[in-house]
Amino acid sequence: MTINCKGNLLDLSTPKVMGILNITPDSFFDGGKYKNNTEIIIQTETMLANGASIIDIGAYSSRPGADHVSEEEELNRIVPIVKLLLQTFPDILLSIDTFRSRVADECLTLGAAIVNDISAGNLDPQMLTVVGKHRAPYVMMHMKGTPKSMQSKTNYDNLIKEMLYFFSEKVAMARAQGVKDIIIDPGFGFAKTLEQNYEILKKFDLLHSLNLPILAGISRKSMIFKLLGNSPDNALNGSTALHMYALSRGAKILRAHDVKEAWECIQLFKAIQDPYNIQDPI
């Protein structure tokens, strides 16, 4: 199972870590943390050194109730950072976390490799055309509504069945626009109640009927810290526990704030899968 990133095949037969780089002031965990180019470069370098195969840059917070950000503001935030990181790390695989086709188009033209769209094209009808034009891998996430309204749209007759129908329809639309490499993201926390998030994990195997790689975006989310009665700052242990569960159910990409811990989780998972092929570092 591979995806083509700018002419290079990324092998997903071994799960990969997508490191999160939020350049927004209001993201739920690390909003406003990286205030200048030096801090952004240091954080990116750290994530790459700790095992990230992909760096996912977001300039529009998608947390529940997030404020609206204009397209121009999103571009003003993200384009300089894409240029900076490609200049500093020429071989980096950048994923652009956006639902806007113009943002995706400009960043892919600059040299970004992947588009990560929380709306699967629902919020911009030109998105699939742009991704197809660039022949870029596309992460499509399940969500109803917008980041501002999604928490009022959690009514489902059959959650998993509706998700599978949603993805089947969107995959067909993407294929029609020339999108070849598609990753699905069940959208933990997006138009889902606490209970529904755990239903998705419990029935994760059913998502494999789509025959596509699955991204798990669980890191430090409210489904962890609300259940445990703490906060995003104290949700690393819970994130690691759910990462291991997601890997055991076939997740191929872990989208994580804590890259080192997610990478270690993958190494331990690999050891369980193939204990007699462990490379002893001692």
C-alpha atoms as a PDB file:
ATOM      1  CA  MET A   1       0.000   0.000   0.000  1.00  0.00           C
ATOM      2  CA  THR A   2       1.723   3.171  -1.237  1.00  0.00           C
ATOM      3  CA  ILE A   3       0.857   6.777  -2.018  1.00  0.00           C
ATOM      4  CA  ASN A   4       2.674   8.895  -4.595  1.00  0.00           C
ATOM      5  CA  CYS A   5       4.057  12.078  -3.029  1.00  0.00           C
ATOM      6  CA  LYS A   6       5.651  14.290  -5.680  1.00  0.00           C
ATOM      7  CA  GLY A   7       6.977  11.262  -7.583  1.00  0.00           C
ATOM      8  CA  ASN A   8       8.185   9.393  -4.508  1.00  0.00           C
ATOM      9  CA  LEU A   9       6.252   6.419  -3.171  1.00  0.00           C
ATOM     10  CA  LEU A  10       5.491   6.483   0.546  1.00  0.00           C
ATOM     11  CA  ASP A  11       5.017   2.899   1.724  1.00  0.00           C
ATOM     12  CA  LEU A  12       2.128   2.598   4.169  1.00  0.00           C
ATOM     13  CA  SER A  13       2.565  -1.119   4.746  1.00  0.00           C
ATOM     14  CA  THR A  14       4.423   0.141   7.811  1.00  0.00           C
ATOM     15  CA  PRO A  15       2.285   2.801   9.554  1.00  0.00           C
ATOM     16  CA  LYS A  16       3.543   6.358   9.449  1.00  0.00           C
ATOM     17  CA  VAL A  17       3.336   9.413  11.724  1.00  0.00           C
ATOM     18  CA  MET A  18       1.923  12.703  10.471  1.00  0.00           C
ATOM     19  CA  GLY A  19       3.231  15.427  12.769  1.00  0.00           C
ATOM     20  CA  ILE A  20       0.864  18.317  13.510  1.00  0.00           C
ATOM     21  CA  LEU A  21       2.123  21.874  13.019  1.00  0.00           C
ATOM     22  CA  ASN A  22      -0.630  24.341  13.895  1.00  0.00           C
ATOM     23  CA  ILE A  23       0.148  27.931  12.951  1.00  0.00           C
ATOM     24  CA  THR A  24      -3.165  29.209  14.307  1.00  0.00           C
ATOM     25  CA  PRO A  25      -3.608  31.294  17.450  1.00  0.00           C
ATOM     26  CA  ASP A  26      -6.627  29.282  18.647  1.00  0.00           C
ATOM     27  CA  SER A  27      -6.088  25.546  18.097  1.00  0.00           C
ATOM     28  CA  PHE A  28      -7.333  23.471  21.021  1.00  0.00           C
ATOM     29  CA  PHE A  29      -3.892  22.232  22.153  1.00  0.00           C
ATOM     30  CA  ASP A  30      -0.975  24.153  20.645  1.00  0.00           C
ATOM     31  CA  GLY A  31      -2.616  27.301  19.296  1.00  0.00           C
ATOM     32  CA  GLY A  32      -0.210  30.249  19.270  1.00  0.00           C
ATOM     33  CA  LYS A  33       2.697  28.119  20.480  1.00  0.00           C
ATOM     34  CA  TYR A  34       4.968  28.735  17.487  1.00  0.00           C
ATOM     35  CA  LYS A  35       5.264  32.501  17.153  1.00  0.00           C
ATOM     36  CA  ASN A  36       8.133  32.983  14.733  1.00  0.00           C
ATOM     37  CA  ASN A  37      10.113  31.264  11.984  1.00  0.00           C
ATOM     38  CA  THR A  38      12.817  30.022  14.326  1.00  0.00           C
ATOM     39  CA  GLU A  39      10.318  28.279  16.597  1.00  0.00           C
ATOM     40  CA  ILE A  40       8.549  26.751  13.590  1.00  0.00           C
ATOM     41  CA  ILE A  41      11.826  25.432  12.150  1.00  0.00           C
ATOM     42  CA  ILE A  42      12.896  23.988  15.503  1.00  0.00           C
ATOM     43  CA  GLN A  43       9.555  22.249  16.016  1.00  0.00           C
ATOM     44  CA  THR A  44       9.557  20.857  12.485  1.00  0.00           C
ATOM     45  CA  GLU A  45      13.142  19.641  12.797  1.00  0.00           C
ATOM     46  CA  THR A  46      12.267  17.972  16.091  1.00  0.00           C
ATOM     47  CA  MET A  47       9.260  16.184  14.603  1.00  0.00           C
ATOM     48  CA  LEU A  48      11.262  14.971  11.613  1.00  0.00           C
ATOM     49  CA  ALA A  49      14.071  13.737  13.875  1.00  0.00           C
ATOM     50  CA  ASN A  50      11.528  11.959  16.070  1.00  0.00           C
ATOM     51  CA  GLY A  51      10.095   9.962  13.205  1.00  0.00           C
ATOM     52  CA  ALA A  52       7.470  12.039  11.373  1.00  0.00           C
ATOM     53  CA  SER A  53       7.141  11.054   7.717  1.00  0.00           C
ATOM     54  CA  ILE A  54       4.708  13.893   6.980  1.00  0.00           C
ATOM     55  CA  ILE A  55       4.251  17.359   8.497  1.00  0.00           C
ATOM     56  CA  ASP A  56       0.653  18.593   8.474  1.00  0.00           C
ATOM     57  CA  ILE A  57       0.351  22.393   8.475  1.00  0.00           C
ATOM     58  CA  GLY A  58      -2.901  24.013   9.540  1.00  0.00           C
ATOM     59  CA  ALA A  59      -3.710  27.722   9.408  1.00  0.00           C
ATOM     60  CA  TYR A  60      -7.438  27.480  10.194  1.00  0.00           C
ATOM     61  CA  SER A  61      -8.479  26.032  13.523  1.00  0.00           C
ATOM     62  CA  SER A  62     -11.140  23.340  13.149  1.00  0.00           C
ATOM     63  CA  ARG A  63     -11.874  22.924  16.851  1.00  0.00           C
ATOM     64  CA  PRO A  64     -15.577  23.012  17.783  1.00  0.00           C
ATOM     65  CA  GLY A  65     -16.892  26.567  17.601  1.00  0.00           C
ATOM     66  CA  ALA A  66     -13.718  27.900  15.999  1.00  0.00           C
ATOM     67  CA  ASP A  67     -13.806  31.457  14.690  1.00  0.00           C
ATOM     68  CA  HIS A  68     -14.101  32.026  10.972  1.00  0.00           C
ATOM     69  CA  VAL A  69     -10.850  32.910   9.190  1.00  0.00           C
ATOM     70  CA  SER A  70     -10.950  34.555   5.780  1.00  0.00           C
ATOM     71  CA  GLU A  71      -9.289  32.899   2.812  1.00  0.00           C
ATOM     72  CA  GLU A  72      -6.807  35.769   2.545  1.00  0.00           C
ATOM     73  CA  GLU A  73      -5.837  35.430   6.189  1.00  0.00           C
ATOM     74  CA  GLU A  74      -5.376  31.674   5.825  1.00  0.00           C
ATOM     75  CA  LEU A  75      -3.142  32.239   2.801  1.00  0.00           C
ATOM     76  CA  ASN A  76      -1.171  34.953   4.593  1.00  0.00           C
ATOM     77  CA  ARG A  77      -0.547  32.545   7.469  1.00  0.00           C
ATOM     78  CA  ILE A  78       0.317  29.397   5.554  1.00  0.00           C
ATOM     79  CA  VAL A  79       2.104  30.366   2.330  1.00  0.00           C
ATOM     80  CA  PRO A  80       5.199  31.904   4.013  1.00  0.00           C
ATOM     81  CA  ILE A  81       5.529  28.817   6.240  1.00  0.00           C
ATOM     82  CA  VAL A  82       5.287  26.428   3.294  1.00  0.00           C
ATOM     83  CA  LYS A  83       8.032  28.398   1.538  1.00  0.00           C
ATOM     84  CA  LEU A  84      10.151  28.482   4.704  1.00  0.00           C
ATOM     85  CA  LEU A  85       9.929  24.756   5.379  1.00  0.00           C
ATOM     86  CA  LEU A  86      10.542  23.712   1.786  1.00  0.00           C
ATOM     87  CA  GLN A  87      13.596  25.953   1.681  1.00  0.00           C
ATOM     88  CA  THR A  88      14.894  24.649   5.017  1.00  0.00           C
ATOM     89  CA  PHE A  89      13.987  20.976   4.475  1.00  0.00           C
ATOM     90  CA  PRO A  90      13.959  20.380   0.680  1.00  0.00           C
ATOM     91  CA  ASP A  91      12.858  16.728   0.983  1.00  0.00           C
ATOM     92  CA  ILE A  92      10.036  17.343   3.446  1.00  0.00           C
ATOM     93  CA  LEU A  93       6.568  15.955   2.732  1.00  0.00           C
ATOM     94  CA  LEU A  94       4.140  18.716   3.633  1.00  0.00           C
ATOM     95  CA  SER A  95       0.434  18.093   4.077  1.00  0.00           C
ATOM     96  CA  ILE A  96      -1.841  21.127   3.851  1.00  0.00           C
ATOM     97  CA  ASP A  97      -4.734  21.039   6.305  1.00  0.00           C
ATOM     98  CA  THR A  98      -7.342  23.122   4.484  1.00  0.00           C
ATOM     99  CA  PHE A  99     -10.834  22.865   3.027  1.00  0.00           C
ATOM    100  CA  ARG A 100     -10.217  25.678   0.517  1.00  0.00           C
ATOM    101  CA  SER A 101      -9.177  24.852  -3.028  1.00  0.00           C
ATOM    102  CA  ARG A 102      -7.249  28.093  -3.552  1.00  0.00           C
ATOM    103  CA  VAL A 103      -5.135  27.455  -0.448  1.00  0.00           C
ATOM    104  CA  ALA A 104      -4.510  23.877  -1.577  1.00  0.00           C
ATOM    105  CA  ASP A 105      -3.652  25.005  -5.124  1.00  0.00           C
ATOM    106  CA  GLU A 106      -1.128  27.637  -4.058  1.00  0.00           C
ATOM    107  CA  CYS A 107       0.588  25.351  -1.543  1.00  0.00           C
ATOM    108  CA  LEU A 108       0.763  22.383  -3.926  1.00  0.00           C
ATOM    109  CA  THR A 109       2.196  24.680  -6.615  1.00  0.00           C
ATOM    110  CA  LEU A 110       4.900  25.727  -4.148  1.00  0.00           C
ATOM    111  CA  GLY A 111       5.830  22.089  -3.494  1.00  0.00           C
ATOM    112  CA  ALA A 112       3.550  20.738  -0.777  1.00  0.00           C
ATOM    113  CA  ALA A 113       2.731  17.058  -1.280  1.00  0.00           C
ATOM    114  CA  ILE A 114      -0.664  16.221   0.272  1.00  0.00           C
ATOM    115  CA  VAL A 115      -4.028  17.866   0.952  1.00  0.00           C
ATOM    116  CA  ASN A 116      -5.820  17.087   4.212  1.00  0.00           C
ATOM    117  CA  ASP A 117      -9.437  18.260   3.891  1.00  0.00           C
ATOM    118  CA  ILE A 118     -11.754  18.056   6.912  1.00  0.00           C
ATOM    119  CA  SER A 119     -14.795  18.449   4.632  1.00  0.00           C
ATOM    120  CA  ALA A 120     -13.945  15.907   1.880  1.00  0.00           C
ATOM    121  CA  GLY A 121     -14.771  18.630  -0.640  1.00  0.00           C
ATOM    122  CA  ASN A 122     -18.127  19.618   0.867  1.00  0.00           C
ATOM    123  CA  LEU A 123     -17.019  23.145   1.759  1.00  0.00           C
ATOM    124  CA  ASP A 124     -15.408  23.962  -1.604  1.00  0.00           C
ATOM    125  CA  PRO A 125     -16.686  22.316  -4.802  1.00  0.00           C
ATOM    126  CA  GLN A 126     -13.394  23.051  -6.593  1.00  0.00           C
ATOM    127  CA  MET A 127     -11.237  21.122  -4.114  1.00  0.00           C
ATOM    128  CA  LEU A 128     -11.358  17.753  -5.867  1.00  0.00           C
ATOM    129  CA  THR A 129     -10.575  19.379  -9.222  1.00  0.00           C
ATOM    130  CA  VAL A 130      -7.507  21.085  -7.766  1.00  0.00           C
ATOM    131  CA  VAL A 131      -6.219  17.932  -6.053  1.00  0.00           C
ATOM    132  CA  GLY A 132      -6.768  15.933  -9.237  1.00  0.00           C
ATOM    133  CA  LYS A 133      -4.914  18.536 -11.291  1.00  0.00           C
ATOM    134  CA  HIS A 134      -1.868  18.233  -9.046  1.00  0.00           C
ATOM    135  CA  ARG A 135      -2.133  14.410  -8.753  1.00  0.00           C
ATOM    136  CA  ALA A 136      -1.682  14.850  -5.019  1.00  0.00           C
ATOM    137  CA  PRO A 137      -2.692  12.352  -2.309  1.00  0.00           C
ATOM    138  CA  TYR A 138      -5.909  13.436  -0.627  1.00  0.00           C
ATOM    139  CA  VAL A 139      -7.030  12.870   2.949  1.00  0.00           C
ATOM    140  CA  MET A 140     -10.815  13.083   3.078  1.00  0.00           C
ATOM    141  CA  MET A 141     -12.445  13.312   6.479  1.00  0.00           C
ATOM    142  CA  HIS A 142     -16.002  12.580   7.542  1.00  0.00           C
ATOM    143  CA  MET A 143     -17.780  15.597   8.985  1.00  0.00           C
ATOM    144  CA  LYS A 144     -21.229  17.146   8.836  1.00  0.00           C
ATOM    145  CA  GLY A 145     -21.653  20.915   8.823  1.00  0.00           C
ATOM    146  CA  THR A 146     -18.745  23.249   9.522  1.00  0.00           C
ATOM    147  CA  PRO A 147     -16.330  23.541  12.468  1.00  0.00           C
ATOM    148  CA  LYS A 148     -18.691  26.134  13.918  1.00  0.00           C
ATOM    149  CA  SER A 149     -21.884  24.057  13.543  1.00  0.00           C
ATOM    150  CA  MET A 150     -20.742  20.433  13.592  1.00  0.00           C
ATOM    151  CA  GLN A 151     -21.511  19.701  17.230  1.00  0.00           C
ATOM    152  CA  SER A 152     -25.212  20.243  16.550  1.00  0.00           C
ATOM    153  CA  LYS A 153     -25.158  17.628  13.761  1.00  0.00           C
ATOM    154  CA  THR A 154     -24.592  14.395  15.653  1.00  0.00           C
ATOM    155  CA  ASN A 155     -27.849  12.599  14.806  1.00  0.00           C
ATOM    156  CA  TYR A 156     -27.362   9.365  12.854  1.00  0.00           C
ATOM    157  CA  ASP A 157     -29.660   6.422  12.227  1.00  0.00           C
ATOM    158  CA  ASN A 158     -26.633   4.183  11.726  1.00  0.00           C
ATOM    159  CA  LEU A 159     -23.311   5.994  12.173  1.00  0.00           C
ATOM    160  CA  ILE A 160     -20.962   3.524  10.494  1.00  0.00           C
ATOM    161  CA  LYS A 161     -23.341   2.796   7.628  1.00  0.00           C
ATOM    162  CA  GLU A 162     -23.750   6.522   6.962  1.00  0.00           C
ATOM    163  CA  MET A 163     -19.985   7.054   7.114  1.00  0.00           C
ATOM    164  CA  LEU A 164     -19.359   4.257   4.610  1.00  0.00           C
ATOM    165  CA  TYR A 165     -21.963   5.710   2.252  1.00  0.00           C
ATOM    166  CA  PHE A 166     -20.402   9.180   2.644  1.00  0.00           C
ATOM    167  CA  PHE A 167     -16.926   7.892   1.819  1.00  0.00           C
ATOM    168  CA  SER A 168     -18.105   5.725  -1.082  1.00  0.00           C
ATOM    169  CA  GLU A 169     -19.779   8.740  -2.664  1.00  0.00           C
ATOM    170  CA  LYS A 170     -16.817  11.051  -2.074  1.00  0.00           C
ATOM    171  CA  VAL A 171     -14.276   8.521  -3.332  1.00  0.00           C
ATOM    172  CA  ALA A 172     -16.238   8.144  -6.564  1.00  0.00           C
ATOM    173  CA  MET A 173     -16.328  11.914  -6.994  1.00  0.00           C
ATOM    174  CA  ALA A 174     -12.591  12.201  -6.320  1.00  0.00           C
ATOM    175  CA  ARG A 175     -11.755   9.412  -8.763  1.00  0.00           C
ATOM    176  CA  ALA A 176     -13.793  11.180 -11.428  1.00  0.00           C
ATOM    177  CA  GLN A 177     -11.548  14.234 -10.965  1.00  0.00           C
ATOM    178  CA  GLY A 178      -8.342  12.210 -11.322  1.00  0.00           C
ATOM    179  CA  VAL A 179      -7.487  11.819  -7.641  1.00  0.00           C
ATOM    180  CA  LYS A 180      -5.597   8.526  -7.427  1.00  0.00           C
ATOM    181  CA  ASP A 181      -4.290   8.314  -3.845  1.00  0.00           C
ATOM    182  CA  ILE A 182      -7.016   8.661  -1.220  1.00  0.00           C
ATOM    183  CA  ILE A 183      -6.739   8.290   2.562  1.00  0.00           C
ATOM    184  CA  ILE A 184      -9.872   8.271   4.694  1.00  0.00           C
ATOM    185  CA  ASP A 185     -10.184   9.876   8.120  1.00  0.00           C
ATOM    186  CA  PRO A 186     -13.248   8.933  10.207  1.00  0.00           C
ATOM    187  CA  GLY A 187     -13.194  12.382  11.799  1.00  0.00           C
ATOM    188  CA  PHE A 188     -13.013  11.717  15.514  1.00  0.00           C
ATOM    189  CA  GLY A 189     -14.649  14.650  17.288  1.00  0.00           C
ATOM    190  CA  PHE A 190     -16.186  16.124  14.143  1.00  0.00           C
ATOM    191  CA  ALA A 191     -19.991  15.942  14.337  1.00  0.00           C
ATOM    192  CA  LYS A 192     -19.587  13.036  16.765  1.00  0.00           C
ATOM    193  CA  THR A 193     -20.595  12.641  20.392  1.00  0.00           C
ATOM    194  CA  LEU A 194     -18.229  11.122  22.923  1.00  0.00           C
ATOM    195  CA  GLU A 195     -20.029   7.808  22.625  1.00  0.00           C
ATOM    196  CA  GLN A 196     -19.999   7.907  18.825  1.00  0.00           C
ATOM    197  CA  ASN A 197     -16.226   8.401  18.763  1.00  0.00           C
ATOM    198  CA  TYR A 198     -15.787   5.176  20.697  1.00  0.00           C
ATOM    199  CA  GLU A 199     -18.325   3.384  18.528  1.00  0.00           C
ATOM    200  CA  ILE A 200     -16.111   4.214  15.530  1.00  0.00           C
ATOM    201  CA  LEU A 201     -13.087   2.767  17.301  1.00  0.00           C
ATOM    202  CA  LYS A 202     -15.013  -0.352  18.283  1.00  0.00           C
ATOM    203  CA  LYS A 203     -16.179  -0.886  14.683  1.00  0.00           C
ATOM    204  CA  PHE A 204     -12.989   0.388  13.030  1.00  0.00           C
ATOM    205  CA  ASP A 205     -12.583  -2.863  11.084  1.00  0.00           C
ATOM    206  CA  LEU A 206     -15.685  -2.051   9.021  1.00  0.00           C
ATOM    207  CA  LEU A 207     -13.914   0.933   7.459  1.00  0.00           C
ATOM    208  CA  HIS A 208     -11.565  -1.471   5.672  1.00  0.00           C
ATOM    209  CA  SER A 209     -14.397  -2.413   3.328  1.00  0.00           C
ATOM    210  CA  LEU A 210     -13.407   0.741   1.414  1.00  0.00           C
ATOM    211  CA  ASN A 211      -9.960  -0.759   0.661  1.00  0.00           C
ATOM    212  CA  LEU A 212      -8.217   2.537   1.402  1.00  0.00           C
ATOM    213  CA  PRO A 213      -5.580   3.524   3.979  1.00  0.00           C
ATOM    214  CA  ILE A 214      -7.047   5.011   7.145  1.00  0.00           C
ATOM    215  CA  LEU A 215      -5.721   7.971   9.101  1.00  0.00           C
ATOM    216  CA  ALA A 216      -6.438   8.140  12.828  1.00  0.00           C
ATOM    217  CA  GLY A 217      -6.665  11.694  14.169  1.00  0.00           C
ATOM    218  CA  ILE A 218      -7.052  11.050  17.881  1.00  0.00           C
ATOM    219  CA  SER A 219      -4.196  12.980  19.438  1.00  0.00           C
ATOM    220  CA  ARG A 220      -5.135  14.822  22.662  1.00  0.00           C
ATOM    221  CA  LYS A 221      -8.778  15.213  21.589  1.00  0.00           C
ATOM    222  CA  SER A 222     -11.716  15.778  23.902  1.00  0.00           C
ATOM    223  CA  MET A 223     -12.830  12.168  23.484  1.00  0.00           C
ATOM    224  CA  ILE A 224      -9.805  11.387  25.653  1.00  0.00           C
ATOM    225  CA  PHE A 225      -9.565  14.184  28.168  1.00  0.00           C
ATOM    226  CA  LYS A 226     -13.304  14.563  28.770  1.00  0.00           C
ATOM    227  CA  LEU A 227     -13.656  10.844  29.425  1.00  0.00           C
ATOM    228  CA  LEU A 228     -10.701  10.900  31.823  1.00  0.00           C
ATOM    229  CA  GLY A 229     -11.690  14.174  33.458  1.00  0.00           C
ATOM    230  CA  ASN A 230      -8.527  16.096  32.661  1.00  0.00           C
ATOM    231  CA  SER A 231      -7.323  18.427  29.880  1.00  0.00           C
ATOM    232  CA  PRO A 232      -5.489  18.356  26.531  1.00  0.00           C
ATOM    233  CA  ASP A 233      -2.227  18.949  28.406  1.00  0.00           C
ATOM    234  CA  ASN A 234      -2.769  15.704  30.312  1.00  0.00           C
ATOM    235  CA  ALA A 235      -4.006  13.578  27.410  1.00  0.00           C
ATOM    236  CA  LEU A 236      -0.748  12.096  26.108  1.00  0.00           C
ATOM    237  CA  ASN A 237      -1.131   8.761  27.875  1.00  0.00           C
ATOM    238  CA  GLY A 238      -4.690   8.386  26.607  1.00  0.00           C
ATOM    239  CA  SER A 239      -3.570   9.340  23.097  1.00  0.00           C
ATOM    240  CA  THR A 240      -0.903   6.635  23.150  1.00  0.00           C
ATOM    241  CA  ALA A 241      -3.380   4.013  24.360  1.00  0.00           C
ATOM    242  CA  LEU A 242      -5.821   4.811  21.560  1.00  0.00           C
ATOM    243  CA  HIS A 243      -3.021   5.012  18.995  1.00  0.00           C
ATOM    244  CA  MET A 244      -2.032   1.449  19.796  1.00  0.00           C
ATOM    245  CA  TYR A 245      -5.658   0.334  19.528  1.00  0.00           C
ATOM    246  CA  ALA A 246      -6.052   2.101  16.169  1.00  0.00           C
ATOM    247  CA  LEU A 247      -2.878   0.446  14.878  1.00  0.00           C
ATOM    248  CA  SER A 248      -4.196  -2.944  15.962  1.00  0.00           C
ATOM    249  CA  ARG A 249      -7.309  -2.226  13.878  1.00  0.00           C
ATOM    250  CA  GLY A 250      -5.330  -1.315  10.770  1.00  0.00           C
ATOM    251  CA  ALA A 251      -4.722   2.451  10.911  1.00  0.00           C
ATOM    252  CA  LYS A 252      -1.902   3.400   8.538  1.00  0.00           C
ATOM    253  CA  ILE A 253      -1.267   7.010   9.562  1.00  0.00           C
ATOM    254  CA  LEU A 254      -1.269   8.468  13.070  1.00  0.00           C
ATOM    255  CA  ARG A 255      -1.819  12.221  13.024  1.00  0.00           C
ATOM    256  CA  ALA A 256      -0.149  13.309  16.247  1.00  0.00           C
ATOM    257  CA  HIS A 257       1.064  16.263  18.248  1.00  0.00           C
ATOM    258  CA  ASP A 258       3.563  14.035  20.075  1.00  0.00           C
ATOM    259  CA  VAL A 259       5.566  12.503  17.261  1.00  0.00           C
ATOM    260  CA  LYS A 260       8.170  10.639  19.324  1.00  0.00           C
ATOM    261  CA  GLU A 261       5.536   8.830  21.369  1.00  0.00           C
ATOM    262  CA  ALA A 262       3.468   7.965  18.286  1.00  0.00           C
ATOM    263  CA  TRP A 263       6.565   6.663  16.476  1.00  0.00           C
ATOM    264  CA  GLU A 264       7.488   4.558  19.503  1.00  0.00           C
ATOM    265  CA  CYS A 265       3.959   3.179  19.519  1.00  0.00           C
ATOM    266  CA  ILE A 266       4.434   2.048  15.921  1.00  0.00           C
ATOM    267  CA  GLN A 267       7.772   0.380  16.733  1.00  0.00           C
ATOM    268  CA  LEU A 268       6.190  -1.575  19.569  1.00  0.00           C
ATOM    269  CA  PHE A 269       3.251  -2.519  17.376  1.00  0.00           C
ATOM    270  CA  LYS A 270       5.654  -3.784  14.692  1.00  0.00           C
ATOM    271  CA  ALA A 271       7.466  -5.875  17.306  1.00  0.00           C
ATOM    272  CA  ILE A 272       4.198  -7.512  18.322  1.00  0.00           C
ATOM    273  CA  GLN A 273       3.364  -8.217  14.684  1.00  0.00           C
ATOM    274  CA  ASP A 274       6.747  -9.746  13.872  1.00  0.00           C
ATOM    275  CA  PRO A 275       8.624 -10.577  17.112  1.00  0.00           C
ATOM    276  CA  TYR A 276      11.297 -12.652  15.386  1.00  0.00           C
ATOM    277  CA  ASN A 277      12.385  -9.806  13.137  1.00  0.00           C
ATOM    278  CA  ILE A 278      13.186  -7.332  15.906  1.00  0.00           C
ATOM    279  CA  GLN A 279      16.424  -5.420  15.395  1.00  0.00           C
ATOM    280  CA  ASP A 280      18.121  -5.369  18.806  1.00  0.00           C
ATOM    281  CA  PRO A 281      19.724  -1.923  19.232  1.00  0.00           C
ATOM    282  CA  ILE A 282      22.086  -3.154  21.963  1.00  0.00           C
END
